[in-house]
N, C-alpha and C. Protein backbone atom coordinates (compact mmCIF):
# COMPACT_ATOMS: atom_id res chain seq x y z
N MET A 1 0.86 -1.20 0.00
CA MET A 1 0.00 0.00 0.00
C MET A 1 0.88 1.24 0.00
N GLY A 2 0.60 2.21 -0.89
CA GLY A 2 1.44 3.39 -1.01
C GLY A 2 1.35 4.31 0.19
N ARG A 3 2.31 5.21 0.27
CA ARG A 3 2.38 6.11 1.42
C ARG A 3 1.15 6.98 1.55
N SER A 4 0.65 7.50 0.39
CA SER A 4 -0.51 8.39 0.47
C SER A 4 -1.75 7.66 0.94
N TYR A 5 -1.77 6.31 0.79
CA TYR A 5 -2.90 5.53 1.29
C TYR A 5 -2.67 5.12 2.74
N ARG A 6 -1.40 4.91 3.11
CA ARG A 6 -1.14 4.34 4.42
C ARG A 6 -1.66 5.22 5.54
N TRP A 7 -1.46 6.55 5.39
CA TRP A 7 -1.94 7.40 6.48
C TRP A 7 -3.43 7.67 6.41
N LEU A 8 -4.11 6.96 5.49
CA LEU A 8 -5.58 7.02 5.43
C LEU A 8 -6.18 5.64 5.73
N GLY A 9 -5.35 4.72 6.17
CA GLY A 9 -5.79 3.34 6.31
C GLY A 9 -6.71 3.09 7.47
N TRP A 10 -6.73 3.92 8.47
CA TRP A 10 -7.59 3.74 9.64
C TRP A 10 -8.41 5.00 9.86
N SER A 11 -9.45 4.87 10.67
CA SER A 11 -10.36 6.01 10.89
C SER A 11 -9.62 7.20 11.49
N ARG A 12 -8.63 6.93 12.30
CA ARG A 12 -7.85 8.01 12.93
C ARG A 12 -7.16 8.88 11.87
N GLN A 13 -6.52 8.23 10.91
CA GLN A 13 -5.85 8.96 9.85
C GLN A 13 -6.84 9.67 8.92
N ARG A 14 -7.98 9.03 8.72
CA ARG A 14 -9.00 9.66 7.87
C ARG A 14 -9.52 10.96 8.48
N GLU A 15 -9.60 11.00 9.80
CA GLU A 15 -10.01 12.23 10.47
C GLU A 15 -9.03 13.36 10.19
N VAL A 16 -7.74 13.03 10.23
CA VAL A 16 -6.71 14.03 9.94
C VAL A 16 -6.85 14.52 8.50
N TYR A 17 -7.07 13.60 7.57
CA TYR A 17 -7.21 13.97 6.17
C TYR A 17 -8.39 14.92 5.95
N LYS A 18 -9.51 14.63 6.62
CA LYS A 18 -10.68 15.50 6.49
C LYS A 18 -10.38 16.92 6.97
N ILE A 19 -9.60 17.03 8.03
CA ILE A 19 -9.23 18.36 8.52
C ILE A 19 -8.31 19.05 7.52
N CYS A 20 -7.43 18.28 6.87
CA CYS A 20 -6.55 18.84 5.84
C CYS A 20 -7.37 19.44 4.69
N ILE A 21 -8.41 18.73 4.28
CA ILE A 21 -9.29 19.22 3.22
C ILE A 21 -9.99 20.50 3.66
N LYS A 22 -10.44 20.53 4.90
CA LYS A 22 -11.09 21.72 5.44
C LYS A 22 -10.12 22.91 5.44
N HIS A 23 -8.87 22.63 5.78
CA HIS A 23 -7.85 23.68 5.78
C HIS A 23 -7.64 24.22 4.37
N PHE A 24 -7.54 23.32 3.39
CA PHE A 24 -7.32 23.75 2.02
C PHE A 24 -8.50 24.55 1.49
N ASP A 25 -9.71 24.14 1.82
CA ASP A 25 -10.90 24.88 1.38
C ASP A 25 -10.89 26.31 1.93
N LYS A 26 -10.37 26.47 3.14
CA LYS A 26 -10.28 27.81 3.72
C LYS A 26 -9.24 28.65 2.99
N ILE A 27 -8.15 28.01 2.56
CA ILE A 27 -7.12 28.71 1.78
C ILE A 27 -7.71 29.18 0.45
N ILE A 28 -8.53 28.36 -0.17
CA ILE A 28 -9.18 28.75 -1.42
C ILE A 28 -10.04 30.00 -1.21
N GLU A 29 -10.74 30.05 -0.09
CA GLU A 29 -11.55 31.24 0.23
C GLU A 29 -10.69 32.49 0.31
N VAL A 30 -9.50 32.35 0.88
CA VAL A 30 -8.58 33.50 0.98
C VAL A 30 -8.20 33.98 -0.42
N VAL A 31 -7.86 33.05 -1.31
CA VAL A 31 -7.46 33.41 -2.67
C VAL A 31 -8.63 34.06 -3.42
N LYS A 32 -9.84 33.54 -3.21
CA LYS A 32 -11.03 34.15 -3.82
C LYS A 32 -11.19 35.60 -3.37
N GLU A 33 -11.00 35.82 -2.09
CA GLU A 33 -11.15 37.18 -1.56
C GLU A 33 -10.04 38.10 -2.05
N LEU A 34 -8.83 37.56 -2.26
CA LEU A 34 -7.78 38.40 -2.84
C LEU A 34 -8.19 38.86 -4.23
N ARG A 35 -8.76 37.95 -5.01
CA ARG A 35 -9.25 38.33 -6.35
C ARG A 35 -10.28 39.44 -6.23
N GLU A 36 -11.19 39.32 -5.27
CA GLU A 36 -12.20 40.37 -5.07
C GLU A 36 -11.54 41.68 -4.66
N PHE A 37 -10.53 41.58 -3.82
CA PHE A 37 -9.79 42.78 -3.39
C PHE A 37 -9.17 43.49 -4.60
N ILE A 38 -8.54 42.73 -5.48
CA ILE A 38 -7.87 43.32 -6.64
C ILE A 38 -8.89 43.94 -7.60
N ILE A 39 -10.06 43.35 -7.70
CA ILE A 39 -11.13 43.95 -8.50
C ILE A 39 -11.51 45.30 -7.93
N LYS A 40 -11.67 45.37 -6.62
CA LYS A 40 -11.99 46.65 -5.97
C LYS A 40 -10.85 47.65 -6.17
N PHE A 41 -9.62 47.16 -6.09
CA PHE A 41 -8.45 48.03 -6.28
C PHE A 41 -8.44 48.60 -7.69
N ARG A 42 -8.74 47.77 -8.67
CA ARG A 42 -8.78 48.25 -10.05
C ARG A 42 -9.83 49.34 -10.21
N GLU A 43 -10.94 49.19 -9.49
CA GLU A 43 -12.04 50.15 -9.58
C GLU A 43 -11.84 51.38 -8.70
N CYS A 44 -10.70 51.44 -8.01
CA CYS A 44 -10.39 52.55 -7.09
C CYS A 44 -11.40 52.65 -5.94
N ASP A 45 -11.92 51.51 -5.55
CA ASP A 45 -12.90 51.45 -4.45
C ASP A 45 -12.15 51.22 -3.14
N VAL A 46 -11.73 52.32 -2.51
CA VAL A 46 -10.90 52.24 -1.31
C VAL A 46 -11.65 51.56 -0.16
N GLU A 47 -12.89 51.96 0.07
CA GLU A 47 -13.66 51.37 1.16
C GLU A 47 -13.92 49.88 0.90
N GLY A 48 -14.19 49.56 -0.35
CA GLY A 48 -14.40 48.16 -0.70
C GLY A 48 -13.15 47.33 -0.42
N CYS A 49 -11.99 47.89 -0.74
CA CYS A 49 -10.73 47.20 -0.48
C CYS A 49 -10.56 46.93 1.01
N LYS A 50 -10.89 47.90 1.83
CA LYS A 50 -10.74 47.75 3.28
C LYS A 50 -11.65 46.64 3.81
N LYS A 51 -12.87 46.59 3.31
CA LYS A 51 -13.81 45.57 3.76
C LYS A 51 -13.35 44.18 3.36
N VAL A 52 -12.87 44.06 2.11
CA VAL A 52 -12.41 42.75 1.65
C VAL A 52 -11.15 42.34 2.40
N PHE A 53 -10.27 43.30 2.69
CA PHE A 53 -9.06 42.95 3.44
C PHE A 53 -9.41 42.39 4.81
N ASP A 54 -10.40 42.99 5.45
CA ASP A 54 -10.84 42.48 6.76
C ASP A 54 -11.29 41.02 6.64
N GLU A 55 -11.95 40.70 5.53
CA GLU A 55 -12.40 39.32 5.31
C GLU A 55 -11.21 38.40 5.06
N ILE A 56 -10.24 38.87 4.29
CA ILE A 56 -9.02 38.09 4.05
C ILE A 56 -8.32 37.79 5.37
N PHE A 57 -8.21 38.82 6.21
CA PHE A 57 -7.56 38.67 7.51
C PHE A 57 -8.29 37.63 8.36
N ARG A 58 -9.63 37.71 8.36
CA ARG A 58 -10.44 36.77 9.16
C ARG A 58 -10.26 35.34 8.67
N LEU A 59 -10.34 35.16 7.35
CA LEU A 59 -10.24 33.81 6.78
C LEU A 59 -8.85 33.22 7.00
N GLU A 60 -7.82 34.05 6.86
CA GLU A 60 -6.46 33.55 7.06
C GLU A 60 -6.24 33.12 8.50
N ARG A 61 -6.85 33.85 9.42
CA ARG A 61 -6.76 33.47 10.83
C ARG A 61 -7.50 32.15 11.08
N GLU A 62 -8.65 31.98 10.45
CA GLU A 62 -9.38 30.71 10.58
C GLU A 62 -8.55 29.55 10.02
N ALA A 63 -7.87 29.80 8.90
CA ALA A 63 -7.01 28.77 8.33
C ALA A 63 -5.88 28.41 9.30
N ASP A 64 -5.33 29.41 9.97
CA ASP A 64 -4.29 29.16 10.97
C ASP A 64 -4.82 28.30 12.11
N ASN A 65 -6.03 28.57 12.53
CA ASN A 65 -6.63 27.78 13.61
C ASN A 65 -6.80 26.32 13.20
N ILE A 66 -7.23 26.11 11.94
CA ILE A 66 -7.38 24.74 11.45
C ILE A 66 -6.02 24.07 11.37
N LYS A 67 -5.01 24.80 10.91
CA LYS A 67 -3.66 24.25 10.83
C LYS A 67 -3.17 23.81 12.21
N GLU A 68 -3.43 24.64 13.22
CA GLU A 68 -3.02 24.28 14.58
C GLU A 68 -3.75 23.02 15.05
N ASN A 69 -5.01 22.88 14.64
CA ASN A 69 -5.78 21.69 14.99
C ASN A 69 -5.19 20.44 14.34
N ILE A 70 -4.74 20.59 13.09
CA ILE A 70 -4.11 19.46 12.41
C ILE A 70 -2.84 19.04 13.14
N ILE A 71 -2.02 20.03 13.52
CA ILE A 71 -0.78 19.72 14.23
C ILE A 71 -1.08 19.02 15.56
N PHE A 72 -2.14 19.48 16.24
CA PHE A 72 -2.54 18.83 17.49
C PHE A 72 -2.93 17.38 17.24
N GLU A 73 -3.70 17.16 16.18
CA GLU A 73 -4.14 15.80 15.86
C GLU A 73 -2.95 14.90 15.51
N LEU A 74 -1.96 15.46 14.84
CA LEU A 74 -0.78 14.67 14.48
C LEU A 74 -0.01 14.24 15.73
N CYS A 75 -0.03 15.08 16.75
CA CYS A 75 0.69 14.77 17.98
C CYS A 75 -0.12 13.85 18.90
N ARG A 76 -1.42 13.80 18.70
CA ARG A 76 -2.31 13.13 19.64
C ARG A 76 -2.33 11.62 19.48
N GLY A 77 -2.19 11.11 18.26
CA GLY A 77 -2.38 9.69 18.07
C GLY A 77 -1.24 9.05 17.32
N PRO A 78 -1.31 7.72 17.19
CA PRO A 78 -0.23 6.97 16.54
C PRO A 78 -0.24 7.14 15.03
N LEU A 79 0.79 7.77 14.52
CA LEU A 79 1.00 7.88 13.08
C LEU A 79 2.47 7.59 12.80
N HIS A 80 2.73 6.94 11.69
CA HIS A 80 4.10 6.68 11.30
C HIS A 80 4.82 8.02 11.08
N PRO A 81 6.10 8.14 11.48
CA PRO A 81 6.83 9.41 11.29
C PRO A 81 6.82 9.92 9.86
N ILE A 82 6.87 9.00 8.87
CA ILE A 82 6.83 9.43 7.47
C ILE A 82 5.48 10.05 7.14
N ASP A 83 4.40 9.49 7.72
CA ASP A 83 3.06 10.04 7.50
C ASP A 83 2.98 11.45 8.04
N ARG A 84 3.50 11.66 9.24
CA ARG A 84 3.50 12.99 9.84
C ARG A 84 4.26 13.98 8.96
N GLU A 85 5.38 13.54 8.44
CA GLU A 85 6.19 14.41 7.59
C GLU A 85 5.43 14.81 6.33
N ASP A 86 4.76 13.85 5.70
CA ASP A 86 3.97 14.13 4.50
C ASP A 86 2.88 15.15 4.77
N ILE A 87 2.14 14.94 5.85
CA ILE A 87 1.02 15.81 6.18
C ILE A 87 1.52 17.21 6.54
N MET A 88 2.57 17.28 7.35
CA MET A 88 3.10 18.58 7.76
C MET A 88 3.61 19.36 6.56
N ARG A 89 4.31 18.68 5.66
CA ARG A 89 4.83 19.34 4.47
C ARG A 89 3.69 19.88 3.61
N LEU A 90 2.61 19.10 3.51
CA LEU A 90 1.46 19.52 2.71
C LEU A 90 0.77 20.74 3.30
N ILE A 91 0.45 20.70 4.59
CA ILE A 91 -0.32 21.80 5.17
C ILE A 91 0.51 23.08 5.29
N LEU A 92 1.82 22.96 5.55
CA LEU A 92 2.64 24.16 5.68
C LEU A 92 2.85 24.84 4.33
N THR A 93 2.98 24.04 3.28
CA THR A 93 3.12 24.62 1.94
C THR A 93 1.82 25.29 1.51
N ILE A 94 0.70 24.63 1.77
CA ILE A 94 -0.60 25.22 1.46
C ILE A 94 -0.82 26.50 2.26
N ASP A 95 -0.41 26.48 3.52
CA ASP A 95 -0.60 27.64 4.38
C ASP A 95 0.12 28.87 3.85
N ASP A 96 1.27 28.66 3.21
CA ASP A 96 2.03 29.79 2.65
C ASP A 96 1.26 30.50 1.54
N ILE A 97 0.35 29.79 0.87
CA ILE A 97 -0.47 30.41 -0.18
C ILE A 97 -1.28 31.56 0.43
N ALA A 98 -1.95 31.27 1.55
CA ALA A 98 -2.77 32.29 2.21
C ALA A 98 -1.91 33.43 2.76
N ALA A 99 -0.74 33.09 3.28
CA ALA A 99 0.15 34.11 3.85
C ALA A 99 0.55 35.13 2.79
N HIS A 100 0.88 34.67 1.59
CA HIS A 100 1.26 35.60 0.52
C HIS A 100 0.05 36.38 0.00
N ALA A 101 -1.11 35.75 -0.02
CA ALA A 101 -2.32 36.47 -0.44
C ALA A 101 -2.61 37.62 0.51
N LYS A 102 -2.52 37.34 1.81
CA LYS A 102 -2.76 38.40 2.79
C LYS A 102 -1.71 39.49 2.69
N SER A 103 -0.46 39.11 2.48
CA SER A 103 0.62 40.11 2.37
C SER A 103 0.42 41.03 1.17
N ALA A 104 -0.04 40.46 0.05
CA ALA A 104 -0.29 41.28 -1.14
C ALA A 104 -1.38 42.32 -0.86
N ALA A 105 -2.47 41.88 -0.25
CA ALA A 105 -3.57 42.79 0.06
C ALA A 105 -3.14 43.83 1.09
N ARG A 106 -2.38 43.40 2.09
CA ARG A 106 -1.94 44.33 3.14
C ARG A 106 -1.09 45.46 2.55
N LYS A 107 -0.23 45.15 1.61
CA LYS A 107 0.61 46.18 1.00
C LYS A 107 -0.23 47.16 0.18
N LEU A 108 -1.20 46.64 -0.57
CA LEU A 108 -2.00 47.50 -1.42
C LEU A 108 -2.98 48.37 -0.63
N ILE A 109 -3.25 47.98 0.61
CA ILE A 109 -4.10 48.82 1.48
C ILE A 109 -3.47 50.20 1.69
N TYR A 110 -2.13 50.25 1.63
CA TYR A 110 -1.41 51.50 1.87
C TYR A 110 -1.25 52.34 0.60
N VAL A 111 -1.86 51.89 -0.49
CA VAL A 111 -1.72 52.57 -1.77
C VAL A 111 -3.05 53.20 -2.17
N GLU A 112 -3.00 54.42 -2.66
CA GLU A 112 -4.18 55.05 -3.24
C GLU A 112 -4.37 54.46 -4.65
N PRO A 113 -5.42 53.66 -4.87
CA PRO A 113 -5.54 52.92 -6.14
C PRO A 113 -5.46 53.79 -7.39
N CYS A 114 -6.15 54.93 -7.36
CA CYS A 114 -6.20 55.77 -8.56
C CYS A 114 -4.88 56.47 -8.84
N TYR A 115 -3.95 56.41 -7.91
CA TYR A 115 -2.61 56.94 -8.16
C TYR A 115 -1.84 55.98 -9.07
N VAL A 116 -2.25 54.73 -9.07
CA VAL A 116 -1.60 53.70 -9.89
C VAL A 116 -2.17 53.77 -11.31
N PRO A 117 -1.33 53.79 -12.33
CA PRO A 117 -1.84 53.84 -13.72
C PRO A 117 -2.83 52.72 -13.99
N GLU A 118 -3.83 53.02 -14.78
CA GLU A 118 -4.90 52.07 -15.04
C GLU A 118 -4.39 50.78 -15.67
N ASP A 119 -3.42 50.89 -16.58
CA ASP A 119 -2.92 49.68 -17.24
C ASP A 119 -2.22 48.75 -16.25
N ILE A 120 -1.58 49.33 -15.24
CA ILE A 120 -0.93 48.51 -14.22
C ILE A 120 -1.97 47.84 -13.34
N ARG A 121 -3.03 48.57 -12.99
CA ARG A 121 -4.11 47.97 -12.19
C ARG A 121 -4.75 46.81 -12.95
N GLU A 122 -4.95 47.00 -14.25
CA GLU A 122 -5.52 45.93 -15.07
C GLU A 122 -4.59 44.72 -15.12
N SER A 123 -3.30 44.98 -15.22
CA SER A 123 -2.33 43.89 -15.30
C SER A 123 -2.23 43.12 -13.99
N ILE A 124 -2.35 43.83 -12.88
CA ILE A 124 -2.34 43.14 -11.58
C ILE A 124 -3.55 42.23 -11.46
N LEU A 125 -4.69 42.69 -11.96
CA LEU A 125 -5.89 41.86 -11.93
C LEU A 125 -5.70 40.62 -12.80
N LYS A 126 -5.10 40.79 -13.98
CA LYS A 126 -4.88 39.65 -14.87
C LYS A 126 -3.95 38.63 -14.19
N LEU A 127 -2.89 39.12 -13.55
CA LEU A 127 -1.97 38.24 -12.84
C LEU A 127 -2.70 37.45 -11.76
N THR A 128 -3.57 38.14 -11.04
CA THR A 128 -4.34 37.50 -9.97
C THR A 128 -5.31 36.48 -10.53
N GLU A 129 -5.93 36.79 -11.67
CA GLU A 129 -6.86 35.85 -12.31
C GLU A 129 -6.15 34.57 -12.72
N MET A 130 -4.91 34.71 -13.19
CA MET A 130 -4.14 33.54 -13.58
C MET A 130 -3.87 32.64 -12.37
N SER A 131 -3.51 33.27 -11.28
CA SER A 131 -3.26 32.52 -10.05
C SER A 131 -4.56 31.91 -9.52
N TYR A 132 -5.64 32.65 -9.66
CA TYR A 132 -6.96 32.18 -9.23
C TYR A 132 -7.36 30.90 -9.97
N GLU A 133 -7.01 30.83 -11.25
CA GLU A 133 -7.29 29.62 -12.03
C GLU A 133 -6.49 28.44 -11.50
N ALA A 134 -5.25 28.70 -11.13
CA ALA A 134 -4.36 27.64 -10.65
C ALA A 134 -4.88 26.98 -9.38
N ILE A 135 -5.49 27.75 -8.49
CA ILE A 135 -5.93 27.20 -7.20
C ILE A 135 -7.01 26.15 -7.40
N PHE A 136 -7.81 26.27 -8.45
CA PHE A 136 -8.87 25.29 -8.68
C PHE A 136 -8.34 24.00 -9.29
N HIS A 137 -7.29 24.11 -10.09
CA HIS A 137 -6.62 22.88 -10.55
C HIS A 137 -5.95 22.19 -9.36
N LEU A 138 -5.43 22.99 -8.44
CA LEU A 138 -4.82 22.42 -7.24
C LEU A 138 -5.87 21.73 -6.39
N LYS A 139 -7.05 22.31 -6.33
CA LYS A 139 -8.16 21.69 -5.59
C LYS A 139 -8.50 20.33 -6.18
N GLU A 140 -8.55 20.25 -7.51
CA GLU A 140 -8.81 18.98 -8.16
C GLU A 140 -7.71 17.96 -7.86
N ALA A 141 -6.49 18.44 -7.80
CA ALA A 141 -5.37 17.55 -7.49
C ALA A 141 -5.50 16.99 -6.08
N VAL A 142 -5.89 17.83 -5.13
CA VAL A 142 -6.06 17.40 -3.74
C VAL A 142 -7.22 16.41 -3.64
N ASP A 143 -8.34 16.75 -4.27
CA ASP A 143 -9.55 15.91 -4.16
C ASP A 143 -9.35 14.53 -4.77
N ASN A 144 -8.49 14.44 -5.79
CA ASN A 144 -8.31 13.17 -6.49
C ASN A 144 -7.08 12.40 -6.03
N LEU A 145 -6.40 12.92 -5.03
CA LEU A 145 -5.16 12.29 -4.57
C LEU A 145 -5.37 10.83 -4.18
N ILE A 146 -6.47 10.56 -3.49
CA ILE A 146 -6.73 9.21 -3.02
C ILE A 146 -7.56 8.41 -4.02
N LYS A 147 -8.60 9.06 -4.59
CA LYS A 147 -9.52 8.34 -5.46
C LYS A 147 -8.91 8.03 -6.82
N LYS A 148 -8.30 9.06 -7.44
CA LYS A 148 -7.78 8.91 -8.80
C LYS A 148 -6.43 9.62 -8.91
N PRO A 149 -5.37 8.99 -8.43
CA PRO A 149 -4.06 9.65 -8.40
C PRO A 149 -3.55 10.08 -9.77
N THR A 150 -3.93 9.38 -10.84
CA THR A 150 -3.48 9.80 -12.17
C THR A 150 -4.07 11.15 -12.55
N ILE A 151 -5.34 11.38 -12.19
CA ILE A 151 -5.96 12.69 -12.42
C ILE A 151 -5.29 13.74 -11.56
N SER A 152 -4.97 13.37 -10.33
CA SER A 152 -4.29 14.28 -9.42
C SER A 152 -2.97 14.77 -10.02
N ILE A 153 -2.22 13.85 -10.62
CA ILE A 153 -0.94 14.21 -11.24
C ILE A 153 -1.16 15.16 -12.42
N LYS A 154 -2.17 14.88 -13.24
CA LYS A 154 -2.45 15.74 -14.40
C LYS A 154 -2.84 17.15 -13.96
N GLU A 155 -3.66 17.25 -12.91
CA GLU A 155 -4.07 18.55 -12.42
C GLU A 155 -2.88 19.31 -11.81
N ALA A 156 -2.00 18.57 -11.16
CA ALA A 156 -0.79 19.20 -10.60
C ALA A 156 0.09 19.75 -11.71
N GLU A 157 0.15 19.05 -12.83
CA GLU A 157 0.94 19.53 -13.97
C GLU A 157 0.35 20.81 -14.55
N LYS A 158 -0.97 20.94 -14.52
CA LYS A 158 -1.62 22.16 -15.00
C LYS A 158 -1.24 23.35 -14.11
N VAL A 159 -1.14 23.10 -12.81
CA VAL A 159 -0.71 24.15 -11.88
C VAL A 159 0.69 24.62 -12.24
N GLU A 160 1.56 23.66 -12.53
CA GLU A 160 2.95 24.00 -12.89
C GLU A 160 3.00 24.87 -14.14
N ARG A 161 2.20 24.54 -15.14
CA ARG A 161 2.19 25.32 -16.38
C ARG A 161 1.69 26.73 -16.14
N ILE A 162 0.66 26.87 -15.32
CA ILE A 162 0.14 28.21 -15.00
C ILE A 162 1.18 29.02 -14.25
N GLU A 163 1.90 28.37 -13.33
CA GLU A 163 2.95 29.08 -12.58
C GLU A 163 4.00 29.64 -13.53
N GLU A 164 4.36 28.88 -14.56
CA GLU A 164 5.33 29.35 -15.53
C GLU A 164 4.80 30.57 -16.29
N GLU A 165 3.51 30.55 -16.62
CA GLU A 165 2.89 31.69 -17.31
C GLU A 165 2.85 32.91 -16.40
N VAL A 166 2.54 32.69 -15.13
CA VAL A 166 2.50 33.78 -14.16
C VAL A 166 3.88 34.42 -14.02
N ASP A 167 4.91 33.58 -13.95
CA ASP A 167 6.27 34.08 -13.80
C ASP A 167 6.67 34.94 -15.00
N GLU A 168 6.33 34.49 -16.19
CA GLU A 168 6.64 35.24 -17.40
C GLU A 168 5.87 36.56 -17.44
N TYR A 169 4.60 36.51 -17.08
CA TYR A 169 3.77 37.72 -17.10
C TYR A 169 4.27 38.72 -16.06
N ARG A 170 4.68 38.22 -14.90
CA ARG A 170 5.18 39.10 -13.84
C ARG A 170 6.40 39.91 -14.27
N VAL A 171 7.28 39.28 -15.06
CA VAL A 171 8.49 39.98 -15.51
C VAL A 171 8.14 41.25 -16.25
N ASN A 172 7.20 41.14 -17.18
CA ASN A 172 6.78 42.32 -17.97
C ASN A 172 6.04 43.33 -17.10
N LEU A 173 5.24 42.83 -16.15
CA LEU A 173 4.51 43.72 -15.26
C LEU A 173 5.47 44.51 -14.37
N ILE A 174 6.46 43.85 -13.83
CA ILE A 174 7.45 44.53 -12.99
C ILE A 174 8.20 45.59 -13.80
N ALA A 175 8.51 45.28 -15.04
CA ALA A 175 9.17 46.26 -15.91
C ALA A 175 8.31 47.51 -16.06
N GLY A 176 7.00 47.31 -16.24
CA GLY A 176 6.09 48.45 -16.34
C GLY A 176 6.00 49.24 -15.05
N ILE A 177 6.01 48.55 -13.93
CA ILE A 177 5.95 49.22 -12.62
C ILE A 177 7.21 50.05 -12.39
N LEU A 178 8.36 49.50 -12.76
CA LEU A 178 9.62 50.24 -12.59
C LEU A 178 9.66 51.47 -13.49
N LYS A 179 9.13 51.34 -14.69
CA LYS A 179 9.07 52.48 -15.61
C LYS A 179 8.17 53.56 -15.03
N TRP A 180 7.04 53.16 -14.46
CA TRP A 180 6.15 54.11 -13.79
C TRP A 180 6.88 54.74 -12.60
N GLY A 181 7.65 53.94 -11.88
CA GLY A 181 8.38 54.44 -10.71
C GLY A 181 9.36 55.54 -11.04
N ASP A 182 9.90 55.54 -12.28
CA ASP A 182 10.84 56.59 -12.68
C ASP A 182 10.19 57.97 -12.68
N LYS A 183 8.86 57.99 -12.83
CA LYS A 183 8.14 59.27 -12.90
C LYS A 183 7.26 59.51 -11.68
N ALA A 184 7.16 58.52 -10.82
CA ALA A 184 6.23 58.61 -9.68
C ALA A 184 6.73 59.59 -8.63
N ASP A 185 5.79 60.36 -8.08
CA ASP A 185 6.14 61.29 -6.99
C ASP A 185 6.21 60.55 -5.66
N LEU A 186 5.34 59.57 -5.48
CA LEU A 186 5.28 58.84 -4.22
C LEU A 186 5.98 57.48 -4.38
N VAL A 187 7.24 57.46 -3.98
CA VAL A 187 8.04 56.24 -4.13
C VAL A 187 7.42 55.08 -3.35
N SER A 188 6.86 55.39 -2.18
CA SER A 188 6.30 54.33 -1.33
C SER A 188 5.16 53.60 -2.04
N HIS A 189 4.39 54.32 -2.85
CA HIS A 189 3.25 53.71 -3.54
C HIS A 189 3.72 52.68 -4.56
N TRP A 190 4.62 53.07 -5.44
CA TRP A 190 5.02 52.12 -6.47
C TRP A 190 5.83 50.97 -5.87
N LEU A 191 6.54 51.26 -4.77
CA LEU A 191 7.27 50.18 -4.11
C LEU A 191 6.31 49.15 -3.52
N MET A 192 5.22 49.62 -2.90
CA MET A 192 4.23 48.70 -2.34
C MET A 192 3.56 47.89 -3.44
N VAL A 193 3.30 48.54 -4.57
CA VAL A 193 2.68 47.83 -5.70
C VAL A 193 3.63 46.74 -6.20
N LYS A 194 4.89 47.09 -6.36
CA LYS A 194 5.88 46.11 -6.82
C LYS A 194 5.95 44.92 -5.85
N GLU A 195 6.00 45.21 -4.55
CA GLU A 195 6.11 44.13 -3.56
C GLU A 195 4.83 43.28 -3.54
N ALA A 196 3.69 43.90 -3.75
CA ALA A 196 2.43 43.15 -3.78
C ALA A 196 2.41 42.19 -4.97
N VAL A 197 2.90 42.65 -6.11
CA VAL A 197 2.99 41.78 -7.29
C VAL A 197 3.91 40.60 -7.00
N GLU A 198 5.01 40.85 -6.31
CA GLU A 198 5.91 39.75 -5.94
C GLU A 198 5.20 38.76 -5.02
N ASN A 199 4.36 39.25 -4.12
CA ASN A 199 3.60 38.35 -3.24
C ASN A 199 2.65 37.48 -4.04
N ILE A 200 1.98 38.07 -5.03
CA ILE A 200 1.05 37.30 -5.86
C ILE A 200 1.81 36.21 -6.63
N GLU A 201 2.99 36.57 -7.14
CA GLU A 201 3.81 35.57 -7.84
C GLU A 201 4.28 34.48 -6.88
N ASN A 202 4.67 34.89 -5.67
CA ASN A 202 5.11 33.91 -4.67
C ASN A 202 3.95 33.01 -4.23
N MET A 203 2.76 33.58 -4.17
CA MET A 203 1.57 32.79 -3.85
C MET A 203 1.39 31.68 -4.87
N THR A 204 1.60 32.00 -6.15
CA THR A 204 1.48 31.01 -7.20
C THR A 204 2.62 30.00 -7.12
N ASP A 205 3.80 30.46 -6.73
CA ASP A 205 4.92 29.54 -6.52
C ASP A 205 4.58 28.49 -5.47
N ARG A 206 3.91 28.95 -4.38
CA ARG A 206 3.55 28.01 -3.33
C ARG A 206 2.50 27.02 -3.83
N MET A 207 1.65 27.45 -4.77
CA MET A 207 0.70 26.52 -5.37
C MET A 207 1.46 25.43 -6.12
N GLU A 208 2.49 25.84 -6.86
CA GLU A 208 3.29 24.86 -7.58
C GLU A 208 4.01 23.93 -6.60
N ASP A 209 4.54 24.49 -5.51
CA ASP A 209 5.20 23.66 -4.51
C ASP A 209 4.23 22.63 -3.92
N THR A 210 3.00 23.08 -3.68
CA THR A 210 1.97 22.17 -3.17
C THR A 210 1.68 21.08 -4.19
N ALA A 211 1.61 21.48 -5.46
CA ALA A 211 1.38 20.50 -6.53
C ALA A 211 2.50 19.46 -6.57
N ASP A 212 3.73 19.89 -6.30
CA ASP A 212 4.86 18.97 -6.28
C ASP A 212 4.71 17.96 -5.14
N VAL A 213 4.27 18.46 -3.98
CA VAL A 213 4.05 17.56 -2.83
C VAL A 213 2.97 16.52 -3.18
N ILE A 214 1.88 17.00 -3.77
CA ILE A 214 0.77 16.11 -4.13
C ILE A 214 1.22 15.08 -5.16
N ARG A 215 2.03 15.53 -6.13
CA ARG A 215 2.54 14.61 -7.14
C ARG A 215 3.39 13.52 -6.51
N GLY A 216 4.21 13.92 -5.55
CA GLY A 216 5.04 12.95 -4.85
C GLY A 216 4.22 11.91 -4.12
N LEU A 217 3.12 12.35 -3.49
CA LEU A 217 2.23 11.42 -2.79
C LEU A 217 1.49 10.51 -3.78
N ALA A 218 1.07 11.11 -4.90
CA ALA A 218 0.30 10.34 -5.88
C ALA A 218 1.11 9.22 -6.51
N VAL A 219 2.38 9.47 -6.80
CA VAL A 219 3.18 8.46 -7.50
C VAL A 219 3.56 7.30 -6.58
N THR A 220 3.41 7.48 -5.26
CA THR A 220 3.72 6.39 -4.33
C THR A 220 2.48 5.59 -3.96
N SER A 221 1.32 5.97 -4.52
CA SER A 221 0.08 5.28 -4.18
C SER A 221 -0.08 4.01 -5.00
């Protein structure tokens, strides 16, 4: 029996897996709200951005609470050390997705949206939409890890391809932000925008890292 099945072989391990799924679903909510935040940012809706950021903060904290519950469950009962390692690696990598999403929104909260050129705001939204697509392929990879590992591997590969597209798109976006920065009066604004874009790219990197973990589990099943 493969490693990804072994830690699901008894009811105790299945309970841990269910909590892992709950944790990932909460991370998806965070990414959804980041997309909503960027839409508000594009529209120069400052109050809307603040409200959505509060929701991102709340959801990320809930995800942290679930993560702590998973760690408690791992310590509470008998699990093989390799099983613990697999689960910890999975949840910590997934958790980084939400951390970067929150960091991106937090930085943009300090920026007056309409001070940012419209084409850059549009490009940030496109970058976020690309990452938003990747999270749903990652969801399919997680859901099929046990039932259909071959589908899980294919979905993980789709995440990797999107990450490559995001990385390429980010390069051109950063170039545009730096060009805007040469003329910007408020250095802090364009710097925050640049750092937020890096967070969005890093968020997608963590999705790819999660896909790699899932692929590793799937091939041993």
